Amino acid sequence: MAKPRTRQLTWLEVAIGNAGFRRAITGMTWAYIWGVTREALGHDPSVDEVADWWNSSRRTAFRDQAAFKASFPMLDSPAVIVDQPETLEACRKMARSMRQLIESKKARPKAPDLTIMQIGMRRAVF
């Protein structure tokens, strides 16, 4: 008889179980950059809006979104992940920082790997 699970899986564990490590990291990154874009624009962004906001190609954005969908086939969008209080605050903080960079006409920064891993290690709540 299988031993019952004693703890809830993290987002990263769910993603790795569904899509493997590499696609899971890409899927978590998509969730984060989608959340930052949503906070910056004030609405759920399209793939094109995310690509434009992060100065990436449309093709890359669709590839990253596909990794998210493979990692989290049960989710329609990253909103469930992003709406957790700690994640939402991290996205808001990054959106504020990016607005300041835009105002100073500097290039947008890359999504921080540490923040993405911290988001991935939070309990998965569906």
Foldseek 3Di string as FASTA:
>chain_A
DDDDDDDFAFLLVLLCVQQNNVLSLLLLLLLLLQLLLCLLVVHRDDLVSSCVLQVHDSVSSVVSPVSNCSSCVPDPGSCQLCVDVVNVVVSNVLNVVQVVCVVVVHHRDRPDSVSSVVSRRHGDDD
